[in-house]
PDB file of N, CA and C in Angstrom:
ATOM      1  N   UNK A   1     118.986  94.769 121.643  1.00  0.00           N
ATOM      2  CA  UNK A   1     118.691  93.493 122.276  1.00  0.00           C
ATOM      3  C   UNK A   1     119.810  92.519 121.927  1.00  0.00           C
ATOM      4  N   UNK A   2     120.410  91.930 122.942  1.00  0.00           N
ATOM      5  CA  UNK A   2     121.445  90.943 122.665  1.00  0.00           C
ATOM      6  C   UNK A   2     120.810  89.553 122.508  1.00  0.00           C
ATOM      7  N   UNK A   3     121.618  88.571 122.189  1.00  0.00           N
ATOM      8  CA  UNK A   3     121.112  87.233 121.865  1.00  0.00           C
ATOM      9  C   UNK A   3     120.444  86.567 123.077  1.00  0.00           C
ATOM     10  N   UNK A   4     120.935  86.800 124.271  1.00  0.00           N
ATOM     11  CA  UNK A   4     120.339  86.209 125.485  1.00  0.00           C
ATOM     12  C   UNK A   4     118.979  86.841 125.778  1.00  0.00           C
ATOM     13  N   UNK A   5     118.872  88.136 125.556  1.00  0.00           N
ATOM     14  CA  UNK A   5     117.585  88.810 125.732  1.00  0.00           C
ATOM     15  C   UNK A   5     116.573  88.294 124.708  1.00  0.00           C
ATOM     16  N   UNK A   6     117.040  88.073 123.488  1.00  0.00           N
ATOM     17  CA  UNK A   6     116.183  87.524 122.443  1.00  0.00           C
ATOM     18  C   UNK A   6     115.710  86.123 122.835  1.00  0.00           C
ATOM     19  N   UNK A   7     116.613  85.312 123.349  1.00  0.00           N
ATOM     20  CA  UNK A   7     116.253  83.963 123.775  1.00  0.00           C
ATOM     21  C   UNK A   7     115.193  84.015 124.882  1.00  0.00           C
ATOM     22  N   UNK A   8     115.366  84.882 125.844  1.00  0.00           N
ATOM     23  CA  UNK A   8     114.390  85.016 126.931  1.00  0.00           C
ATOM     24  C   UNK A   8     113.045  85.493 126.391  1.00  0.00           C
ATOM     25  N   UNK A   9     113.078  86.430 125.452  1.00  0.00           N
ATOM     26  CA  UNK A   9     111.848  86.903 124.827  1.00  0.00           C
ATOM     27  C   UNK A   9     111.114  85.747 124.138  1.00  0.00           C
ATOM     28  N   UNK A  10     111.850  84.918 123.394  1.00  0.00           N
ATOM     29  CA  UNK A  10     111.248  83.783 122.691  1.00  0.00           C
ATOM     30  C   UNK A  10     110.637  82.804 123.696  1.00  0.00           C
ATOM     31  N   UNK A  11     111.320  82.544 124.789  1.00  0.00           N
ATOM     32  CA  UNK A  11     110.793  81.633 125.819  1.00  0.00           C
ATOM     33  C   UNK A  11     109.484  82.176 126.412  1.00  0.00           C
ATOM     34  N   UNK A  12     109.448  83.447 126.697  1.00  0.00           N
ATOM     35  CA  UNK A  12     108.239  84.063 127.249  1.00  0.00           C
ATOM     36  C   UNK A  12     107.123  84.052 126.216  1.00  0.00           C
ATOM     37  N   UNK A  13     107.456  84.352 124.980  1.00  0.00           N
ATOM     38  CA  UNK A  13     106.462  84.351 123.905  1.00  0.00           C
ATOM     39  C   UNK A  13     105.900  82.943 123.710  1.00  0.00           C
ATOM     40  N   UNK A  14     106.738  81.938 123.813  1.00  0.00           N
ATOM     41  CA  UNK A  14     106.300  80.559 123.671  1.00  0.00           C
ATOM     42  C   UNK A  14     105.291  80.193 124.767  1.00  0.00           C
ATOM     43  N   UNK A  15     105.546  80.602 125.975  1.00  0.00           N
ATOM     44  CA  UNK A  15     104.599  80.344 127.073  1.00  0.00           C
ATOM     45  C   UNK A  15     103.253  80.991 126.763  1.00  0.00           C
ATOM     46  N   UNK A  16     103.282  82.209 126.271  1.00  0.00           N
ATOM     47  CA  UNK A  16     102.056  82.910 125.907  1.00  0.00           C
ATOM     48  C   UNK A  16     101.295  82.162 124.808  1.00  0.00           C
ATOM     49  N   UNK A  17     102.020  81.699 123.804  1.00  0.00           N
ATOM     50  CA  UNK A  17     101.391  80.945 122.714  1.00  0.00           C
ATOM     51  C   UNK A  17     100.783  79.644 123.224  1.00  0.00           C
ATOM     52  N   UNK A  18     101.477  78.963 124.120  1.00  0.00           N
ATOM     53  CA  UNK A  18     100.955  77.718 124.684  1.00  0.00           C
ATOM     54  C   UNK A  18      99.664  77.981 125.456  1.00  0.00           C
ATOM     55  N   UNK A  19      99.638  79.054 126.216  1.00  0.00           N
ATOM     56  CA  UNK A  19      98.429  79.409 126.957  1.00  0.00           C
ATOM     57  C   UNK A  19      97.283  79.744 126.003  1.00  0.00           C
ATOM     58  N   UNK A  20      97.591  80.468 124.940  1.00  0.00           N
ATOM     59  CA  UNK A  20      96.570  80.804 123.942  1.00  0.00           C
ATOM     60  C   UNK A  20      96.015  79.537 123.303  1.00  0.00           C
ATOM     61  N   UNK A  21      96.891  78.599 122.966  1.00  0.00           N
ATOM     62  CA  UNK A  21      96.468  77.357 122.331  1.00  0.00           C
ATOM     63  C   UNK A  21      95.580  76.539 123.272  1.00  0.00           C
ATOM     64  N   UNK A  22      95.956  76.465 124.529  1.00  0.00           N
ATOM     65  CA  UNK A  22      95.132  75.747 125.505  1.00  0.00           C
ATOM     66  C   UNK A  22      93.743  76.365 125.611  1.00  0.00           C
ATOM     67  N   UNK A  23      93.686  77.690 125.612  1.00  0.00           N
ATOM     68  CA  UNK A  23      92.393  78.375 125.695  1.00  0.00           C
ATOM     69  C   UNK A  23      91.553  78.113 124.444  1.00  0.00           C
ATOM     70  N   UNK A  24      92.172  78.136 123.285  1.00  0.00           N
ATOM     71  CA  UNK A  24      91.437  77.862 122.048  1.00  0.00           C
ATOM     72  C   UNK A  24      90.906  76.437 122.038  1.00  0.00           C
ATOM     73  N   UNK A  25      91.730  75.484 122.480  1.00  0.00           N
ATOM     74  CA  UNK A  25      91.291  74.092 122.542  1.00  0.00           C
ATOM     75  C   UNK A  25      90.083  73.951 123.478  1.00  0.00           C
ATOM     76  N   UNK A  26      90.131  74.656 124.585  1.00  0.00           N
ATOM     77  CA  UNK A  26      89.026  74.628 125.543  1.00  0.00           C
ATOM     78  C   UNK A  26      87.758  75.185 124.895  1.00  0.00           C
ATOM     79  N   UNK A  27      87.891  76.325 124.217  1.00  0.00           N
ATOM     80  CA  UNK A  27      86.736  76.937 123.557  1.00  0.00           C
ATOM     81  C   UNK A  27      86.187  76.027 122.465  1.00  0.00           C
ATOM     82  N   UNK A  28      87.076  75.384 121.720  1.00  0.00           N
ATOM     83  CA  UNK A  28      86.646  74.490 120.651  1.00  0.00           C
ATOM     84  C   UNK A  28      85.874  73.301 121.218  1.00  0.00           C
ATOM     85  N   UNK A  29      86.216  72.883 122.431  1.00  0.00           N
ATOM     86  CA  UNK A  29      85.537  71.760 123.057  1.00  0.00           C
ATOM     87  C   UNK A  29      84.094  72.046 123.418  1.00  0.00           C
ATOM     88  N   UNK A  30      83.734  73.312 123.517  1.00  0.00           N
ATOM     89  CA  UNK A  30      82.370  73.694 123.867  1.00  0.00           C
ATOM     90  C   UNK A  30      81.471  73.866 122.639  1.00  0.00           C
ATOM     91  N   UNK A  31      82.034  73.737 121.458  1.00  0.00           N
ATOM     92  CA  UNK A  31      81.256  73.937 120.232  1.00  0.00           C
ATOM     93  C   UNK A  31      80.863  72.572 119.674  1.00  0.00           C
ATOM     94  N   UNK A  32      79.564  72.356 119.547  1.00  0.00           N
ATOM     95  CA  UNK A  32      79.064  71.063 119.063  1.00  0.00           C
ATOM     96  C   UNK A  32      79.130  70.951 117.538  1.00  0.00           C
ATOM     97  N   UNK A  33      78.901  72.065 116.854  1.00  0.00           N
ATOM     98  CA  UNK A  33      78.868  72.047 115.387  1.00  0.00           C
ATOM     99  C   UNK A  33      80.274  72.315 114.843  1.00  0.00           C
ATOM    100  N   UNK A  34      80.950  71.233 114.457  1.00  0.00           N
ATOM    101  CA  UNK A  34      82.323  71.364 113.960  1.00  0.00           C
ATOM    102  C   UNK A  34      82.396  72.045 112.599  1.00  0.00           C
ATOM    103  N   UNK A  35      81.264  72.228 111.959  1.00  0.00           N
ATOM    104  CA  UNK A  35      81.223  72.924 110.668  1.00  0.00           C
ATOM    105  C   UNK A  35      80.851  74.401 110.823  1.00  0.00           C
ATOM    106  N   UNK A  36      80.661  74.855 112.042  1.00  0.00           N
ATOM    107  CA  UNK A  36      80.272  76.249 112.257  1.00  0.00           C
ATOM    108  C   UNK A  36      81.446  77.185 111.971  1.00  0.00           C
ATOM    109  N   UNK A  37      81.107  78.406 111.623  1.00  0.00           N
ATOM    110  CA  UNK A  37      82.142  79.415 111.374  1.00  0.00           C
ATOM    111  C   UNK A  37      82.969  79.662 112.627  1.00  0.00           C
ATOM    112  N   UNK A  38      82.300  79.655 113.783  1.00  0.00           N
ATOM    113  CA  UNK A  38      83.013  79.890 115.044  1.00  0.00           C
ATOM    114  C   UNK A  38      84.089  78.824 115.273  1.00  0.00           C
ATOM    115  N   UNK A  39      83.731  77.560 115.049  1.00  0.00           N
ATOM    116  CA  UNK A  39      84.701  76.478 115.243  1.00  0.00           C
ATOM    117  C   UNK A  39      85.832  76.579 114.228  1.00  0.00           C
ATOM    118  N   UNK A  40      85.473  76.824 112.974  1.00  0.00           N
ATOM    119  CA  UNK A  40      86.492  76.927 111.920  1.00  0.00           C
ATOM    120  C   UNK A  40      87.457  78.078 112.179  1.00  0.00           C
ATOM    121  N   UNK A  41      86.932  79.198 112.665  1.00  0.00           N
ATOM    122  CA  UNK A  41      87.796  80.341 112.990  1.00  0.00           C
ATOM    123  C   UNK A  41      88.772  79.996 114.111  1.00  0.00           C
ATOM    124  N   UNK A  42      88.275  79.322 115.147  1.00  0.00           N
ATOM    125  CA  UNK A  42      89.145  78.914 116.259  1.00  0.00           C
ATOM    126  C   UNK A  42      90.180  77.895 115.796  1.00  0.00           C
ATOM    127  N   UNK A  43      89.744  76.975 114.946  1.00  0.00           N
ATOM    128  CA  UNK A  43      90.657  75.951 114.439  1.00  0.00           C
ATOM    129  C   UNK A  43      91.782  76.586 113.617  1.00  0.00           C
ATOM    130  N   UNK A  44      91.431  77.528 112.772  1.00  0.00           N
ATOM    131  CA  UNK A  44      92.432  78.223 111.965  1.00  0.00           C
ATOM    132  C   UNK A  44      93.401  79.001 112.849  1.00  0.00           C
ATOM    133  N   UNK A  45      92.876  79.676 113.851  1.00  0.00           N
ATOM    134  CA  UNK A  45      93.724  80.426 114.781  1.00  0.00           C
ATOM    135  C   UNK A  45      94.651  79.481 115.543  1.00  0.00           C
ATOM    136  N   UNK A  46      94.142  78.302 115.918  1.00  0.00           N
ATOM    137  CA  UNK A  46      94.964  77.331 116.638  1.00  0.00           C
ATOM    138  C   UNK A  46      96.069  76.780 115.746  1.00  0.00           C
ATOM    139  N   UNK A  47      95.769  76.545 114.488  1.00  0.00           N
ATOM    140  CA  UNK A  47      96.793  76.075 113.545  1.00  0.00           C
ATOM    141  C   UNK A  47      97.887  77.129 113.396  1.00  0.00           C
ATOM    142  N   UNK A  48      97.478  78.382 113.289  1.00  0.00           N
ATOM    143  CA  UNK A  48      98.441  79.473 113.198  1.00  0.00           C
ATOM    144  C   UNK A  48      99.302  79.558 114.453  1.00  0.00           C
ATOM    145  N   UNK A  49      98.662  79.443 115.607  1.00  0.00           N
ATOM    146  CA  UNK A  49      99.389  79.497 116.875  1.00  0.00           C
ATOM    147  C   UNK A  49     100.377  78.343 116.977  1.00  0.00           C
ATOM    148  N   UNK A  50      99.959  77.162 116.546  1.00  0.00           N
ATOM    149  CA  UNK A  50     100.844  76.001 116.563  1.00  0.00           C
ATOM    150  C   UNK A  50     102.059  76.234 115.666  1.00  0.00           C
ATOM    151  N   UNK A  51     101.851  76.836 114.514  1.00  0.00           N
ATOM    152  CA  UNK A  51     102.970  77.167 113.624  1.00  0.00           C
ATOM    153  C   UNK A  51     103.939  78.138 114.274  1.00  0.00           C
ATOM    154  N   UNK A  52     103.397  79.120 114.976  1.00  0.00           N
ATOM    155  CA  UNK A  52     104.255  80.075 115.686  1.00  0.00           C
ATOM    156  C   UNK A  52     105.039  79.380 116.798  1.00  0.00           C
ATOM    157  N   UNK A  53     104.397  78.420 117.466  1.00  0.00           N
ATOM    158  CA  UNK A  53     105.091  77.670 118.519  1.00  0.00           C
ATOM    159  C   UNK A  53     106.238  76.854 117.922  1.00  0.00           C
ATOM    160  N   UNK A  54     105.994  76.227 116.776  1.00  0.00           N
ATOM    161  CA  UNK A  54     107.049  75.452 116.119  1.00  0.00           C
ATOM    162  C   UNK A  54     108.227  76.344 115.734  1.00  0.00           C
ATOM    163  N   UNK A  55     107.932  77.549 115.266  1.00  0.00           N
ATOM    164  CA  UNK A  55     109.005  78.486 114.929  1.00  0.00           C
ATOM    165  C   UNK A  55     109.802  78.857 116.175  1.00  0.00           C
ATOM    166  N   UNK A  56     109.111  79.069 117.289  1.00  0.00           N
ATOM    167  CA  UNK A  56     109.804  79.388 118.548  1.00  0.00           C
ATOM    168  C   UNK A  56     110.701  78.236 118.985  1.00  0.00           C
ATOM    169  N   UNK A  57     110.178  77.000 118.890  1.00  0.00           N
ATOM    170  CA  UNK A  57     111.004  75.836 119.239  1.00  0.00           C
ATOM    171  C   UNK A  57     112.250  75.777 118.360  1.00  0.00           C
ATOM    172  N   UNK A  58     112.081  76.079 117.090  1.00  0.00           N
ATOM    173  CA  UNK A  58     113.225  76.073 116.170  1.00  0.00           C
ATOM    174  C   UNK A  58     114.247  77.138 116.570  1.00  0.00           C
ATOM    175  N   UNK A  59     113.777  78.356 116.804  1.00  0.00           N
ATOM    176  CA  UNK A  59     114.688  79.420 117.222  1.00  0.00           C
ATOM    177  C   UNK A  59     115.459  79.023 118.484  1.00  0.00           C
ATOM    178  N   UNK A  60     114.733  78.463 119.453  1.00  0.00           N
ATOM    179  CA  UNK A  60     115.383  78.074 120.700  1.00  0.00           C
ATOM    180  C   UNK A  60     116.417  76.967 120.474  1.00  0.00           C
ATOM    181  N   UNK A  61     116.100  76.023 119.599  1.00  0.00           N
ATOM    182  CA  UNK A  61     117.056  74.939 119.341  1.00  0.00           C
ATOM    183  C   UNK A  61     118.310  75.482 118.670  1.00  0.00           C
ATOM    184  N   UNK A  62     118.139  76.469 117.790  1.00  0.00           N
ATOM    185  CA  UNK A  62     119.310  77.088 117.154  1.00  0.00           C
ATOM    186  C   UNK A  62     120.115  77.847 118.195  1.00  0.00           C
ATOM    187  N   UNK A  63     119.428  78.610 119.039  1.00  0.00           N
ATOM    188  CA  UNK A  63     120.112  79.390 120.062  1.00  0.00           C
ATOM    189  C   UNK A  63     120.852  78.495 121.054  1.00  0.00           C
ATOM    190  N   UNK A  64     120.297  77.321 121.300  1.00  0.00           N
ATOM    191  CA  UNK A  64     120.920  76.391 122.238  1.00  0.00           C
ATOM    192  C   UNK A  64     121.957  75.509 121.562  1.00  0.00           C
ATOM    193  N   UNK A  65     122.084  75.625 120.243  1.00  0.00           N
ATOM    194  CA  UNK A  65     123.075  74.839 119.514  1.00  0.00           C
ATOM    195  C   UNK A  65     122.693  73.382 119.353  1.00  0.00           C
ATOM    196  N   UNK A  66     121.388  73.100 119.327  1.00  0.00           N
ATOM    197  CA  UNK A  66     120.927  71.727 119.226  1.00  0.00           C
ATOM    198  C   UNK A  66     120.675  71.277 117.798  1.00  0.00           C
ATOM    199  N   UNK A  67     120.939  72.131 116.852  1.00  0.00           N
ATOM    200  CA  UNK A  67     120.725  71.729 115.445  1.00  0.00           C
ATOM    201  C   UNK A  67     122.063  71.429 114.825  1.00  0.00           C
TER     202      UNK A  67
END
């Protein structure tokens, strides 16, 4: 895999992560008990997904020479 292929992979992966995060936010909106295990599990997964998105943004900024 060359650097351009890697960049394209990161862009596609970022879109997937954004879609996952939107879906988790939607699911979290349907849960009334914010202390429930279901809500906490979704919240933790969303935090993890957000961290992965931040890493993708960082990789892309390095690849684009913006750092």
